[in-house]
Amino acid sequence: FGDEERHGIYRDISREHPESASSWYKERYLDIEVISVWMDNV
């Protein structure tokens, strides 16, 4: 961050699945569950 004061960062993770769904009327997504987040080992 240099000398700038910030509260932290953000991360966007796509839930879009690279493979098409089996039917035209369905959408396929990845299920993502965050387990833990650390900064400087805390």
PDB file of all heavy atoms in Angstrom:
ATOM      1  N   PHE A   1       0.816  -1.208   0.000  1.00  0.00           N
ATOM      2  CA  PHE A   1       0.000   0.000   0.000  1.00  0.00           C
ATOM      3  C   PHE A   1       0.851   1.260   0.000  1.00  0.00           C
ATOM      4  O   PHE A   1       0.320   2.355  -0.150  1.00  0.00           O
ATOM      5  CB  PHE A   1      -0.913   0.025   1.232  1.00  0.00           C
ATOM      6  CG  PHE A   1      -1.909  -1.095   1.270  1.00  0.00           C
ATOM      7  CD1 PHE A   1      -1.652  -2.249   1.988  1.00  0.00           C
ATOM      8  CD2 PHE A   1      -3.110  -0.999   0.593  1.00  0.00           C
ATOM      9  CE1 PHE A   1      -2.571  -3.281   2.029  1.00  0.00           C
ATOM     10  CE2 PHE A   1      -4.032  -2.023   0.619  1.00  0.00           C
ATOM     11  CZ  PHE A   1      -3.769  -3.183   1.346  1.00  0.00           C
ATOM     12  N   GLY A   2       2.169   1.097   0.203  1.00  0.00           N
ATOM     13  CA  GLY A   2       3.037   2.269   0.322  1.00  0.00           C
ATOM     14  C   GLY A   2       2.649   3.070   1.555  1.00  0.00           C
ATOM     15  O   GLY A   2       2.345   2.500   2.606  1.00  0.00           O
ATOM     16  N   ASP A   3       2.608   4.386   1.433  1.00  0.00           N
ATOM     17  CA  ASP A   3       2.246   5.257   2.565  1.00  0.00           C
ATOM     18  C   ASP A   3       0.746   5.480   2.689  1.00  0.00           C
ATOM     19  O   ASP A   3       0.288   6.116   3.640  1.00  0.00           O
ATOM     20  CB  ASP A   3       2.951   6.614   2.422  1.00  0.00           C
ATOM     21  CG  ASP A   3       4.447   6.497   2.631  1.00  0.00           C
ATOM     22  OD1 ASP A   3       4.881   5.562   3.344  1.00  0.00           O
ATOM     23  OD2 ASP A   3       5.186   7.331   2.070  1.00  0.00           O
ATOM     24  N   GLU A   4      -0.024   4.978   1.709  1.00  0.00           N
ATOM     25  CA  GLU A   4      -1.477   5.170   1.746  1.00  0.00           C
ATOM     26  C   GLU A   4      -2.103   4.284   2.828  1.00  0.00           C
ATOM     27  O   GLU A   4      -1.719   3.141   2.995  1.00  0.00           O
ATOM     28  CB  GLU A   4      -2.092   4.817   0.391  1.00  0.00           C
ATOM     29  CG  GLU A   4      -1.695   5.767  -0.716  1.00  0.00           C
ATOM     30  CD  GLU A   4      -2.421   5.452  -2.010  1.00  0.00           C
ATOM     31  OE1 GLU A   4      -3.603   5.064  -1.954  1.00  0.00           O
ATOM     32  OE2 GLU A   4      -1.797   5.605  -3.064  1.00  0.00           O
ATOM     33  N   GLU A   5      -3.076   4.829   3.535  1.00  0.00           N
ATOM     34  CA  GLU A   5      -3.798   4.054   4.540  1.00  0.00           C
ATOM     35  C   GLU A   5      -5.044   3.451   3.903  1.00  0.00           C
ATOM     36  O   GLU A   5      -5.844   4.151   3.291  1.00  0.00           O
ATOM     37  CB  GLU A   5      -4.177   4.939   5.728  1.00  0.00           C
ATOM     38  CG  GLU A   5      -2.985   5.344   6.561  1.00  0.00           C
ATOM     39  CD  GLU A   5      -3.397   6.031   7.851  1.00  0.00           C
ATOM     40  OE1 GLU A   5      -4.605   6.264   8.095  1.00  0.00           O
ATOM     41  OE2 GLU A   5      -2.478   6.343   8.629  1.00  0.00           O
ATOM     42  N   ARG A   6      -5.183   2.155   4.056  1.00  0.00           N
ATOM     43  CA  ARG A   6      -6.327   1.414   3.512  1.00  0.00           C
ATOM     44  C   ARG A   6      -6.846   0.465   4.583  1.00  0.00           C
ATOM     45  O   ARG A   6      -6.154   0.159   5.547  1.00  0.00           O
ATOM     46  CB  ARG A   6      -5.918   0.604   2.269  1.00  0.00           C
ATOM     47  CG  ARG A   6      -5.394   1.443   1.137  1.00  0.00           C
ATOM     48  CD  ARG A   6      -6.537   2.096   0.429  1.00  0.00           C
ATOM     49  NE  ARG A   6      -6.051   2.731  -0.781  1.00  0.00           N
ATOM     50  CZ  ARG A   6      -6.439   3.906  -1.189  1.00  0.00           C
ATOM     51  NH1 ARG A   6      -7.315   4.583  -0.510  1.00  0.00           N
ATOM     52  NH2 ARG A   6      -5.960   4.420  -2.288  1.00  0.00           N
ATOM     53  N   HIS A   7      -8.037  -0.060   4.343  1.00  0.00           N
ATOM     54  CA  HIS A   7      -8.608  -1.032   5.277  1.00  0.00           C
ATOM     55  C   HIS A   7      -8.241  -2.458   4.898  1.00  0.00           C
ATOM     56  O   HIS A   7      -8.381  -3.370   5.712  1.00  0.00           O
ATOM     57  CB  HIS A   7     -10.129  -0.875   5.334  1.00  0.00           C
ATOM     58  CG  HIS A   7     -10.542   0.435   5.905  1.00  0.00           C
ATOM     59  ND1 HIS A   7     -10.502   0.702   7.252  1.00  0.00           N
ATOM     60  CD2 HIS A   7     -10.975   1.574   5.309  1.00  0.00           C
ATOM     61  CE1 HIS A   7     -10.901   1.936   7.464  1.00  0.00           C
ATOM     62  NE2 HIS A   7     -11.190   2.496   6.302  1.00  0.00           N
ATOM     63  N   GLY A   8      -7.796  -2.685   3.682  1.00  0.00           N
ATOM     64  CA  GLY A   8      -7.448  -4.016   3.228  1.00  0.00           C
ATOM     65  C   GLY A   8      -7.611  -4.128   1.726  1.00  0.00           C
ATOM     66  O   GLY A   8      -7.517  -3.136   1.009  1.00  0.00           O
ATOM     67  N   ILE A   9      -7.873  -5.338   1.271  1.00  0.00           N
ATOM     68  CA  ILE A   9      -8.026  -5.592  -0.163  1.00  0.00           C
ATOM     69  C   ILE A   9      -9.345  -6.309  -0.406  1.00  0.00           C
ATOM     70  O   ILE A   9     -10.029  -6.720   0.528  1.00  0.00           O
ATOM     71  CB  ILE A   9      -6.858  -6.450  -0.726  1.00  0.00           C
ATOM     72  CG1 ILE A   9      -6.834  -7.845  -0.092  1.00  0.00           C
ATOM     73  CG2 ILE A   9      -5.528  -5.732  -0.538  1.00  0.00           C
ATOM     74  CD1 ILE A   9      -5.882  -8.825  -0.762  1.00  0.00           C
ATOM     75  N   TYR A  10      -9.672  -6.474  -1.668  1.00  0.00           N
ATOM     76  CA  TYR A  10     -10.796  -7.325  -2.033  1.00  0.00           C
ATOM     77  C   TYR A  10     -10.334  -8.313  -3.089  1.00  0.00           C
ATOM     78  O   TYR A  10      -9.332  -8.116  -3.767  1.00  0.00           O
ATOM     79  CB  TYR A  10     -12.000  -6.504  -2.525  1.00  0.00           C
ATOM     80  CG  TYR A  10     -11.776  -5.825  -3.860  1.00  0.00           C
ATOM     81  CD1 TYR A  10     -12.067  -6.484  -5.046  1.00  0.00           C
ATOM     82  CD2 TYR A  10     -11.281  -4.524  -3.928  1.00  0.00           C
ATOM     83  CE1 TYR A  10     -11.857  -5.872  -6.274  1.00  0.00           C
ATOM     84  CE2 TYR A  10     -11.073  -3.907  -5.144  1.00  0.00           C
ATOM     85  CZ  TYR A  10     -11.357  -4.590  -6.308  1.00  0.00           C
ATOM     86  OH  TYR A  10     -11.141  -3.993  -7.517  1.00  0.00           O
ATOM     87  N   ARG A  11     -11.076  -9.402  -3.219  1.00  0.00           N
ATOM     88  CA  ARG A  11     -10.786 -10.417  -4.232  1.00  0.00           C
ATOM     89  C   ARG A  11     -12.105 -10.866  -4.795  1.00  0.00           C
ATOM     90  O   ARG A  11     -13.041 -11.188  -4.052  1.00  0.00           O
ATOM     91  CB  ARG A  11     -10.034 -11.583  -3.576  1.00  0.00           C
ATOM     92  CG  ARG A  11      -9.840 -12.804  -4.469  1.00  0.00           C
ATOM     93  CD  ARG A  11      -8.813 -12.539  -5.563  1.00  0.00           C
ATOM     94  NE  ARG A  11      -8.449 -13.794  -6.210  1.00  0.00           N
ATOM     95  CZ  ARG A  11      -8.913 -14.186  -7.398  1.00  0.00           C
ATOM     96  NH1 ARG A  11      -9.742 -13.421  -8.082  1.00  0.00           N
ATOM     97  NH2 ARG A  11      -8.537 -15.336  -7.911  1.00  0.00           N
ATOM     98  N   ASP A  12     -12.232 -10.867  -6.128  1.00  0.00           N
ATOM     99  CA  ASP A  12     -13.417 -11.383  -6.810  1.00  0.00           C
ATOM    100  C   ASP A  12     -13.063 -12.702  -7.464  1.00  0.00           C
ATOM    101  O   ASP A  12     -12.099 -12.772  -8.237  1.00  0.00           O
ATOM    102  CB  ASP A  12     -13.910 -10.399  -7.878  1.00  0.00           C
ATOM    103  CG  ASP A  12     -14.559  -9.178  -7.272  1.00  0.00           C
ATOM    104  OD1 ASP A  12     -15.356  -9.353  -6.329  1.00  0.00           O
ATOM    105  OD2 ASP A  12     -14.278  -8.059  -7.725  1.00  0.00           O
ATOM    106  N   ILE A  13     -13.842 -13.743  -7.162  1.00  0.00           N
ATOM    107  CA  ILE A  13     -13.614 -15.074  -7.732  1.00  0.00           C
ATOM    108  C   ILE A  13     -14.843 -15.428  -8.555  1.00  0.00           C
ATOM    109  O   ILE A  13     -15.975 -15.424  -8.051  1.00  0.00           O
ATOM    110  CB  ILE A  13     -13.398 -16.126  -6.629  1.00  0.00           C
ATOM    111  CG1 ILE A  13     -12.234 -15.697  -5.723  1.00  0.00           C
ATOM    112  CG2 ILE A  13     -13.140 -17.496  -7.243  1.00  0.00           C
ATOM    113  CD1 ILE A  13     -12.132 -16.479  -4.437  1.00  0.00           C
ATOM    114  N   SER A  14     -14.616 -15.742  -9.819  1.00  0.00           N
ATOM    115  CA  SER A  14     -15.726 -16.069 -10.713  1.00  0.00           C
ATOM    116  C   SER A  14     -16.352 -17.406 -10.331  1.00  0.00           C
ATOM    117  O   SER A  14     -15.652 -18.372 -10.056  1.00  0.00           O
ATOM    118  CB  SER A  14     -15.229 -16.133 -12.157  1.00  0.00           C
ATOM    119  OG  SER A  14     -16.280 -16.544 -13.005  1.00  0.00           O
ATOM    120  N   ARG A  15     -17.669 -17.444 -10.341  1.00  0.00           N
ATOM    121  CA  ARG A  15     -18.400 -18.693 -10.113  1.00  0.00           C
ATOM    122  C   ARG A  15     -18.799 -19.341 -11.439  1.00  0.00           C
ATOM    123  O   ARG A  15     -19.418 -20.391 -11.456  1.00  0.00           O
ATOM    124  CB  ARG A  15     -19.651 -18.407  -9.279  1.00  0.00           C
ATOM    125  CG  ARG A  15     -19.307 -17.963  -7.856  1.00  0.00           C
ATOM    126  CD  ARG A  15     -20.536 -17.809  -6.984  1.00  0.00           C
ATOM    127  NE  ARG A  15     -21.252 -19.065  -6.921  1.00  0.00           N
ATOM    128  CZ  ARG A  15     -22.556 -19.200  -7.189  1.00  0.00           C
ATOM    129  NH1 ARG A  15     -23.286 -18.161  -7.538  1.00  0.00           N
ATOM    130  NH2 ARG A  15     -23.138 -20.371  -7.106  1.00  0.00           N
ATOM    131  N   GLU A  16     -18.437 -18.713 -12.549  1.00  0.00           N
ATOM    132  CA  GLU A  16     -18.798 -19.225 -13.870  1.00  0.00           C
ATOM    133  C   GLU A  16     -18.046 -20.525 -14.141  1.00  0.00           C
ATOM    134  O   GLU A  16     -16.839 -20.611 -13.977  1.00  0.00           O
ATOM    135  CB  GLU A  16     -18.418 -18.187 -14.922  1.00  0.00           C
ATOM    136  CG  GLU A  16     -19.039 -18.440 -16.262  1.00  0.00           C
ATOM    137  CD  GLU A  16     -18.775 -17.274 -17.200  1.00  0.00           C
ATOM    138  OE1 GLU A  16     -19.053 -16.117 -16.817  1.00  0.00           O
ATOM    139  OE2 GLU A  16     -18.274 -17.545 -18.289  1.00  0.00           O
ATOM    140  N   HIS A  17     -18.764 -21.542 -14.550  1.00  0.00           N
ATOM    141  CA  HIS A  17     -18.149 -22.838 -14.861  1.00  0.00           C
ATOM    142  C   HIS A  17     -17.722 -22.852 -16.320  1.00  0.00           C
ATOM    143  O   HIS A  17     -18.458 -22.376 -17.178  1.00  0.00           O
ATOM    144  CB  HIS A  17     -19.131 -23.982 -14.592  1.00  0.00           C
ATOM    145  CG  HIS A  17     -18.473 -25.309 -14.445  1.00  0.00           C
ATOM    146  ND1 HIS A  17     -17.976 -26.005 -15.515  1.00  0.00           N
ATOM    147  CD2 HIS A  17     -18.200 -26.043 -13.352  1.00  0.00           C
ATOM    148  CE1 HIS A  17     -17.447 -27.129 -15.087  1.00  0.00           C
ATOM    149  NE2 HIS A  17     -17.566 -27.169 -13.782  1.00  0.00           N
ATOM    150  N   PRO A  18     -16.517 -23.368 -16.640  1.00  0.00           N
ATOM    151  CA  PRO A  18     -16.055 -23.359 -18.026  1.00  0.00           C
ATOM    152  C   PRO A  18     -16.796 -24.331 -18.940  1.00  0.00           C
ATOM    153  O   PRO A  18     -16.681 -24.258 -20.153  1.00  0.00           O
ATOM    154  CB  PRO A  18     -14.578 -23.741 -17.910  1.00  0.00           C
ATOM    155  CG  PRO A  18     -14.479 -24.481 -16.634  1.00  0.00           C
ATOM    156  CD  PRO A  18     -15.517 -23.895 -15.726  1.00  0.00           C
ATOM    157  N   GLU A  19     -17.581 -25.221 -18.370  1.00  0.00           N
ATOM    158  CA  GLU A  19     -18.297 -26.219 -19.154  1.00  0.00           C
ATOM    159  C   GLU A  19     -19.784 -25.867 -19.161  1.00  0.00           C
ATOM    160  O   GLU A  19     -20.343 -25.477 -18.134  1.00  0.00           O
ATOM    161  CB  GLU A  19     -18.073 -27.598 -18.516  1.00  0.00           C
ATOM    162  CG  GLU A  19     -18.419 -28.759 -19.387  1.00  0.00           C
ATOM    163  CD  GLU A  19     -17.952 -30.062 -18.740  1.00  0.00           C
ATOM    164  OE1 GLU A  19     -18.192 -30.281 -17.552  1.00  0.00           O
ATOM    165  OE2 GLU A  19     -17.338 -30.848 -19.453  1.00  0.00           O
ATOM    166  N   SER A  20     -20.434 -26.006 -20.305  1.00  0.00           N
ATOM    167  CA  SER A  20     -21.861 -25.683 -20.417  1.00  0.00           C
ATOM    168  C   SER A  20     -22.708 -26.655 -19.618  1.00  0.00           C
ATOM    169  O   SER A  20     -22.326 -27.804 -19.391  1.00  0.00           O
ATOM    170  CB  SER A  20     -22.297 -25.733 -21.875  1.00  0.00           C
ATOM    171  OG  SER A  20     -21.582 -24.792 -22.629  1.00  0.00           O
ATOM    172  N   ALA A  21     -23.887 -26.198 -19.221  1.00  0.00           N
ATOM    173  CA  ALA A  21     -24.845 -27.051 -18.531  1.00  0.00           C
ATOM    174  C   ALA A  21     -25.400 -28.084 -19.500  1.00  0.00           C
ATOM    175  O   ALA A  21     -25.325 -27.925 -20.721  1.00  0.00           O
ATOM    176  CB  ALA A  21     -25.973 -26.204 -17.951  1.00  0.00           C
ATOM    177  N   SER A  22     -25.997 -29.140 -18.952  1.00  0.00           N
ATOM    178  CA  SER A  22     -26.511 -30.224 -19.790  1.00  0.00           C
ATOM    179  C   SER A  22     -27.796 -29.858 -20.524  1.00  0.00           C
ATOM    180  O   SER A  22     -28.169 -30.517 -21.488  1.00  0.00           O
ATOM    181  CB  SER A  22     -26.736 -31.474 -18.928  1.00  0.00           C
ATOM    182  OG  SER A  22     -27.636 -31.165 -17.870  1.00  0.00           O
ATOM    183  N   SER A  23     -28.487 -28.811 -20.107  1.00  0.00           N
ATOM    184  CA  SER A  23     -29.725 -28.375 -20.756  1.00  0.00           C
ATOM    185  C   SER A  23     -29.670 -26.874 -21.022  1.00  0.00           C
ATOM    186  O   SER A  23     -29.095 -26.120 -20.241  1.00  0.00           O
ATOM    187  CB  SER A  23     -30.938 -28.663 -19.858  1.00  0.00           C
ATOM    188  OG  SER A  23     -31.046 -30.039 -19.615  1.00  0.00           O
ATOM    189  N   TRP A  24     -30.310 -26.441 -22.088  1.00  0.00           N
ATOM    190  CA  TRP A  24     -30.258 -25.040 -22.485  1.00  0.00           C
ATOM    191  C   TRP A  24     -30.864 -24.101 -21.450  1.00  0.00           C
ATOM    192  O   TRP A  24     -30.500 -22.949 -21.352  1.00  0.00           O
ATOM    193  CB  TRP A  24     -30.934 -24.829 -23.836  1.00  0.00           C
ATOM    194  CG  TRP A  24     -32.411 -25.126 -23.815  1.00  0.00           C
ATOM    195  CD1 TRP A  24     -32.995 -26.318 -24.072  1.00  0.00           C
ATOM    196  CD2 TRP A  24     -33.466 -24.218 -23.497  1.00  0.00           C
ATOM    197  NE1 TRP A  24     -34.350 -26.226 -23.937  1.00  0.00           N
ATOM    198  CE2 TRP A  24     -34.679 -24.939 -23.593  1.00  0.00           C
ATOM    199  CE3 TRP A  24     -33.522 -22.884 -23.147  1.00  0.00           C
ATOM    200  CZ2 TRP A  24     -35.913 -24.374 -23.336  1.00  0.00           C
ATOM    201  CZ3 TRP A  24     -34.764 -22.314 -22.898  1.00  0.00           C
ATOM    202  CH2 TRP A  24     -35.936 -23.058 -22.999  1.00  0.00           C
ATOM    203  N   TYR A  25     -31.790 -24.590 -20.649  1.00  0.00           N
ATOM    204  CA  TYR A  25     -32.480 -23.736 -19.682  1.00  0.00           C
ATOM    205  C   TYR A  25     -31.805 -23.722 -18.302  1.00  0.00           C
ATOM    206  O   TYR A  25     -32.284 -23.081 -17.381  1.00  0.00           O
ATOM    207  CB  TYR A  25     -33.941 -24.173 -19.527  1.00  0.00           C
ATOM    208  CG  TYR A  25     -34.108 -25.625 -19.153  1.00  0.00           C
ATOM    209  CD1 TYR A  25     -34.102 -26.030 -17.822  1.00  0.00           C
ATOM    210  CD2 TYR A  25     -34.252 -26.593 -20.127  1.00  0.00           C
ATOM    211  CE1 TYR A  25     -34.237 -27.362 -17.483  1.00  0.00           C
ATOM    212  CE2 TYR A  25     -34.392 -27.916 -19.806  1.00  0.00           C
ATOM    213  CZ  TYR A  25     -34.385 -28.300 -18.474  1.00  0.00           C
ATOM    214  OH  TYR A  25     -34.512 -29.616 -18.137  1.00  0.00           O
ATOM    215  N   LYS A  26     -30.693 -24.408 -18.175  1.00  0.00           N
ATOM    216  CA  LYS A  26     -29.969 -24.428 -16.904  1.00  0.00           C
ATOM    217  C   LYS A  26     -28.693 -23.610 -17.022  1.00  0.00           C
ATOM    218  O   LYS A  26     -28.164 -23.408 -18.097  1.00  0.00           O
ATOM    219  CB  LYS A  26     -29.585 -25.858 -16.536  1.00  0.00           C
ATOM    220  CG  LYS A  26     -30.744 -26.760 -16.219  1.00  0.00           C
ATOM    221  CD  LYS A  26     -30.243 -28.127 -15.827  1.00  0.00           C
ATOM    222  CE  LYS A  26     -31.388 -29.068 -15.542  1.00  0.00           C
ATOM    223  NZ  LYS A  26     -30.896 -30.406 -15.205  1.00  0.00           N
ATOM    224  N   GLU A  27     -28.234 -23.128 -15.885  1.00  0.00           N
ATOM    225  CA  GLU A  27     -26.935 -22.475 -15.833  1.00  0.00           C
ATOM    226  C   GLU A  27     -26.060 -23.290 -14.895  1.00  0.00           C
ATOM    227  O   GLU A  27     -26.549 -23.908 -13.961  1.00  0.00           O
ATOM    228  CB  GLU A  27     -27.075 -21.039 -15.331  1.00  0.00           C
ATOM    229  CG  GLU A  27     -27.825 -20.167 -16.315  1.00  0.00           C
ATOM    230  CD  GLU A  27     -27.805 -18.715 -15.901  1.00  0.00           C
ATOM    231  OE1 GLU A  27     -26.767 -18.254 -15.418  1.00  0.00           O
ATOM    232  OE2 GLU A  27     -28.845 -18.063 -16.068  1.00  0.00           O
ATOM    233  N   ARG A  28     -24.759 -23.288 -15.163  1.00  0.00           N
ATOM    234  CA  ARG A  28     -23.848 -24.075 -14.352  1.00  0.00           C
ATOM    235  C   ARG A  28     -22.878 -23.128 -13.644  1.00  0.00           C
ATOM    236  O   ARG A  28     -22.260 -22.296 -14.283  1.00  0.00           O
ATOM    237  CB  ARG A  28     -23.084 -25.052 -15.246  1.00  0.00           C
ATOM    238  CG  ARG A  28     -22.264 -26.020 -14.468  1.00  0.00           C
ATOM    239  CD  ARG A  28     -21.811 -27.137 -15.357  1.00  0.00           C
ATOM    240  NE  ARG A  28     -21.054 -28.070 -14.537  1.00  0.00           N
ATOM    241  CZ  ARG A  28     -20.411 -29.091 -15.006  1.00  0.00           C
ATOM    242  NH1 ARG A  28     -20.424 -29.335 -16.302  1.00  0.00           N
ATOM    243  NH2 ARG A  28     -19.757 -29.889 -14.213  1.00  0.00           N
ATOM    244  N   TYR A  29     -22.784 -23.269 -12.327  1.00  0.00           N
ATOM    245  CA  TYR A  29     -21.908 -22.423 -11.529  1.00  0.00           C
ATOM    246  C   TYR A  29     -21.053 -23.269 -10.604  1.00  0.00           C
ATOM    247  O   TYR A  29     -21.423 -24.397 -10.253  1.00  0.00           O
ATOM    248  CB  TYR A  29     -22.725 -21.447 -10.673  1.00  0.00           C
ATOM    249  CG  TYR A  29     -23.423 -20.400 -11.475  1.00  0.00           C
ATOM    250  CD1 TYR A  29     -24.756 -20.527 -11.807  1.00  0.00           C
ATOM    251  CD2 TYR A  29     -22.738 -19.283 -11.920  1.00  0.00           C
ATOM    252  CE1 TYR A  29     -25.403 -19.558 -12.559  1.00  0.00           C
ATOM    253  CE2 TYR A  29     -23.367 -18.304 -12.681  1.00  0.00           C
ATOM    254  CZ  TYR A  29     -24.699 -18.460 -12.987  1.00  0.00           C
ATOM    255  OH  TYR A  29     -25.325 -17.501 -13.740  1.00  0.00           O
ATOM    256  N   LEU A  30     -19.945 -22.702 -10.208  1.00  0.00           N
ATOM    257  CA  LEU A  30     -19.096 -23.324  -9.207  1.00  0.00           C
ATOM    258  C   LEU A  30     -19.593 -22.911  -7.826  1.00  0.00           C
ATOM    259  O   LEU A  30     -20.014 -21.777  -7.624  1.00  0.00           O
ATOM    260  CB  LEU A  30     -17.651 -22.852  -9.370  1.00  0.00           C
ATOM    261  CG  LEU A  30     -16.983 -23.205 -10.694  1.00  0.00           C
ATOM    262  CD1 LEU A  30     -15.663 -22.473 -10.832  1.00  0.00           C
ATOM    263  CD2 LEU A  30     -16.783 -24.705 -10.796  1.00  0.00           C
ATOM    264  N   ASP A  31     -19.540 -23.837  -6.890  1.00  0.00           N
ATOM    265  CA  ASP A  31     -19.881 -23.541  -5.506  1.00  0.00           C
ATOM    266  C   ASP A  31     -18.571 -23.240  -4.775  1.00  0.00           C
ATOM    267  O   ASP A  31     -17.676 -24.089  -4.745  1.00  0.00           O
ATOM    268  CB  ASP A  31     -20.594 -24.736  -4.880  1.00  0.00           C
ATOM    269  CG  ASP A  31     -21.008 -24.479  -3.448  1.00  0.00           C
ATOM    270  OD1 ASP A  31     -21.232 -23.310  -3.084  1.00  0.00           O
ATOM    271  OD2 ASP A  31     -21.092 -25.459  -2.685  1.00  0.00           O
ATOM    272  N   ILE A  32     -18.437 -22.036  -4.237  1.00  0.00           N
ATOM    273  CA  ILE A  32     -17.193 -21.612  -3.586  1.00  0.00           C
ATOM    274  C   ILE A  32     -17.481 -21.276  -2.130  1.00  0.00           C
ATOM    275  O   ILE A  32     -18.376 -20.475  -1.834  1.00  0.00           O
ATOM    276  CB  ILE A  32     -16.573 -20.400  -4.312  1.00  0.00           C
ATOM    277  CG1 ILE A  32     -16.224 -20.811  -5.747  1.00  0.00           C
ATOM    278  CG2 ILE A  32     -15.353 -19.871  -3.560  1.00  0.00           C
ATOM    279  CD1 ILE A  32     -15.768 -19.677  -6.629  1.00  0.00           C
ATOM    280  N   GLU A  33     -16.718 -21.918  -1.247  1.00  0.00           N
ATOM    281  CA  GLU A  33     -16.865 -21.688   0.193  1.00  0.00           C
ATOM    282  C   GLU A  33     -15.536 -21.194   0.754  1.00  0.00           C
ATOM    283  O   GLU A  33     -14.539 -21.917   0.726  1.00  0.00           O
ATOM    284  CB  GLU A  33     -17.268 -22.989   0.885  1.00  0.00           C
ATOM    285  CG  GLU A  33     -17.348 -22.895   2.376  1.00  0.00           C
ATOM    286  CD  GLU A  33     -17.580 -24.252   3.023  1.00  0.00           C
ATOM    287  OE1 GLU A  33     -17.964 -25.207   2.330  1.00  0.00           O
ATOM    288  OE2 GLU A  33     -17.346 -24.350   4.238  1.00  0.00           O
ATOM    289  N   VAL A  34     -15.522 -19.983   1.268  1.00  0.00           N
ATOM    290  CA  VAL A  34     -14.304 -19.436   1.871  1.00  0.00           C
ATOM    291  C   VAL A  34     -14.069 -20.141   3.203  1.00  0.00           C
ATOM    292  O   VAL A  34     -14.969 -20.246   4.036  1.00  0.00           O
ATOM    293  CB  VAL A  34     -14.407 -17.908   2.071  1.00  0.00           C
ATOM    294  CG1 VAL A  34     -13.153 -17.358   2.752  1.00  0.00           C
ATOM    295  CG2 VAL A  34     -14.631 -17.213   0.734  1.00  0.00           C
ATOM    296  N   ILE A  35     -12.844 -20.641   3.379  1.00  0.00           N
ATOM    297  CA  ILE A  35     -12.483 -21.364   4.598  1.00  0.00           C
ATOM    298  C   ILE A  35     -11.801 -20.431   5.599  1.00  0.00           C
ATOM    299  O   ILE A  35     -12.146 -20.409   6.780  1.00  0.00           O
ATOM    300  CB  ILE A  35     -11.552 -22.553   4.260  1.00  0.00           C
ATOM    301  CG1 ILE A  35     -12.271 -23.528   3.332  1.00  0.00           C
ATOM    302  CG2 ILE A  35     -11.072 -23.241   5.535  1.00  0.00           C
ATOM    303  CD1 ILE A  35     -11.356 -24.557   2.692  1.00  0.00           C
ATOM    304  N   SER A  36     -10.817 -19.654   5.128  1.00  0.00           N
ATOM    305  CA  SER A  36     -10.112 -18.750   6.034  1.00  0.00           C
ATOM    306  C   SER A  36      -9.422 -17.642   5.248  1.00  0.00           C
ATOM    307  O   SER A  36      -9.135 -17.796   4.061  1.00  0.00           O
ATOM    308  CB  SER A  36      -9.079 -19.493   6.883  1.00  0.00           C
ATOM    309  OG  SER A  36      -8.068 -20.044   6.060  1.00  0.00           O
ATOM    310  N   VAL A  37      -9.170 -16.519   5.936  1.00  0.00           N
ATOM    311  CA  VAL A  37      -8.460 -15.383   5.352  1.00  0.00           C
ATOM    312  C   VAL A  37      -7.462 -14.889   6.394  1.00  0.00           C
ATOM    313  O   VAL A  37      -7.806 -14.714   7.565  1.00  0.00           O
ATOM    314  CB  VAL A  37      -9.427 -14.251   4.957  1.00  0.00           C
ATOM    315  CG1 VAL A  37      -8.668 -13.072   4.377  1.00  0.00           C
ATOM    316  CG2 VAL A  37     -10.470 -14.754   3.958  1.00  0.00           C
ATOM    317  N   TRP A  38      -6.227 -14.681   5.935  1.00  0.00           N
ATOM    318  CA  TRP A  38      -5.139 -14.277   6.821  1.00  0.00           C
ATOM    319  C   TRP A  38      -4.413 -13.076   6.233  1.00  0.00           C
ATOM    320  O   TRP A  38      -4.333 -12.922   5.016  1.00  0.00           O
ATOM    321  CB  TRP A  38      -4.131 -15.414   6.971  1.00  0.00           C
ATOM    322  CG  TRP A  38      -4.704 -16.661   7.575  1.00  0.00           C
ATOM    323  CD1 TRP A  38      -5.610 -17.515   6.994  1.00  0.00           C
ATOM    324  CD2 TRP A  38      -4.442 -17.188   8.858  1.00  0.00           C
ATOM    325  NE1 TRP A  38      -5.918 -18.544   7.849  1.00  0.00           N
ATOM    326  CE2 TRP A  38      -5.198 -18.363   9.010  1.00  0.00           C
ATOM    327  CE3 TRP A  38      -3.623 -16.767   9.924  1.00  0.00           C
ATOM    328  CZ2 TRP A  38      -5.168 -19.130  10.161  1.00  0.00           C
ATOM    329  CZ3 TRP A  38      -3.589 -17.546  11.062  1.00  0.00           C
ATOM    330  CH2 TRP A  38      -4.359 -18.706  11.181  1.00  0.00           C
ATOM    331  N   MET A  39      -3.865 -12.235   7.130  1.00  0.00           N
ATOM    332  CA  MET A  39      -2.958 -11.168   6.726  1.00  0.00           C
ATOM    333  C   MET A  39      -1.735 -11.274   7.632  1.00  0.00           C
ATOM    334  O   MET A  39      -1.872 -11.261   8.868  1.00  0.00           O
ATOM    335  CB  MET A  39      -3.593  -9.784   6.877  1.00  0.00           C
ATOM    336  CG  MET A  39      -2.664  -8.654   6.428  1.00  0.00           C
ATOM    337  SD  MET A  39      -3.357  -7.009   6.681  1.00  0.00           S
ATOM    338  CE  MET A  39      -2.995  -6.766   8.408  1.00  0.00           C
ATOM    339  N   ASP A  40      -0.582 -11.430   7.021  1.00  0.00           N
ATOM    340  CA  ASP A  40       0.673 -11.535   7.775  1.00  0.00           C
ATOM    341  C   ASP A  40       0.594 -12.625   8.845  1.00  0.00           C
ATOM    342  O   ASP A  40       0.967 -12.431  10.005  1.00  0.00           O
ATOM    343  CB  ASP A  40       1.047 -10.186   8.393  1.00  0.00           C
ATOM    344  CG  ASP A  40       1.197  -9.100   7.342  1.00  0.00           C
ATOM    345  OD1 ASP A  40       1.588  -9.421   6.197  1.00  0.00           O
ATOM    346  OD2 ASP A  40       0.917  -7.931   7.657  1.00  0.00           O
ATOM    347  N   ASN A  41       0.058 -13.782   8.462  1.00  0.00           N
ATOM    348  CA  ASN A  41      -0.051 -14.970   9.325  1.00  0.00           C
ATOM    349  C   ASN A  41      -1.002 -14.819  10.505  1.00  0.00           C
ATOM    350  O   ASN A  41      -0.920 -15.568  11.477  1.00  0.00           O
ATOM    351  CB  ASN A  41       1.335 -15.425   9.817  1.00  0.00           C
ATOM    352  CG  ASN A  41       2.208 -15.867   8.675  1.00  0.00           C
ATOM    353  OD1 ASN A  41       1.756 -16.582   7.773  1.00  0.00           O
ATOM    354  ND2 ASN A  41       3.447 -15.426   8.685  1.00  0.00           N
ATOM    355  N   VAL A  42      -1.909 -13.856  10.443  1.00  0.00           N
ATOM    356  CA  VAL A  42      -2.918 -13.668  11.484  1.00  0.00           C
ATOM    357  C   VAL A  42      -4.283 -13.644  10.797  1.00  0.00           C
ATOM    358  O   VAL A  42      -4.467 -12.932   9.803  1.00  0.00           O
ATOM    359  CB  VAL A  42      -2.686 -12.346  12.257  1.00  0.00           C
ATOM    360  CG1 VAL A  42      -3.799 -12.105  13.269  1.00  0.00           C
ATOM    361  CG2 VAL A  42      -1.325 -12.337  12.927  1.00  0.00           C
TER     362      VAL A  42
END
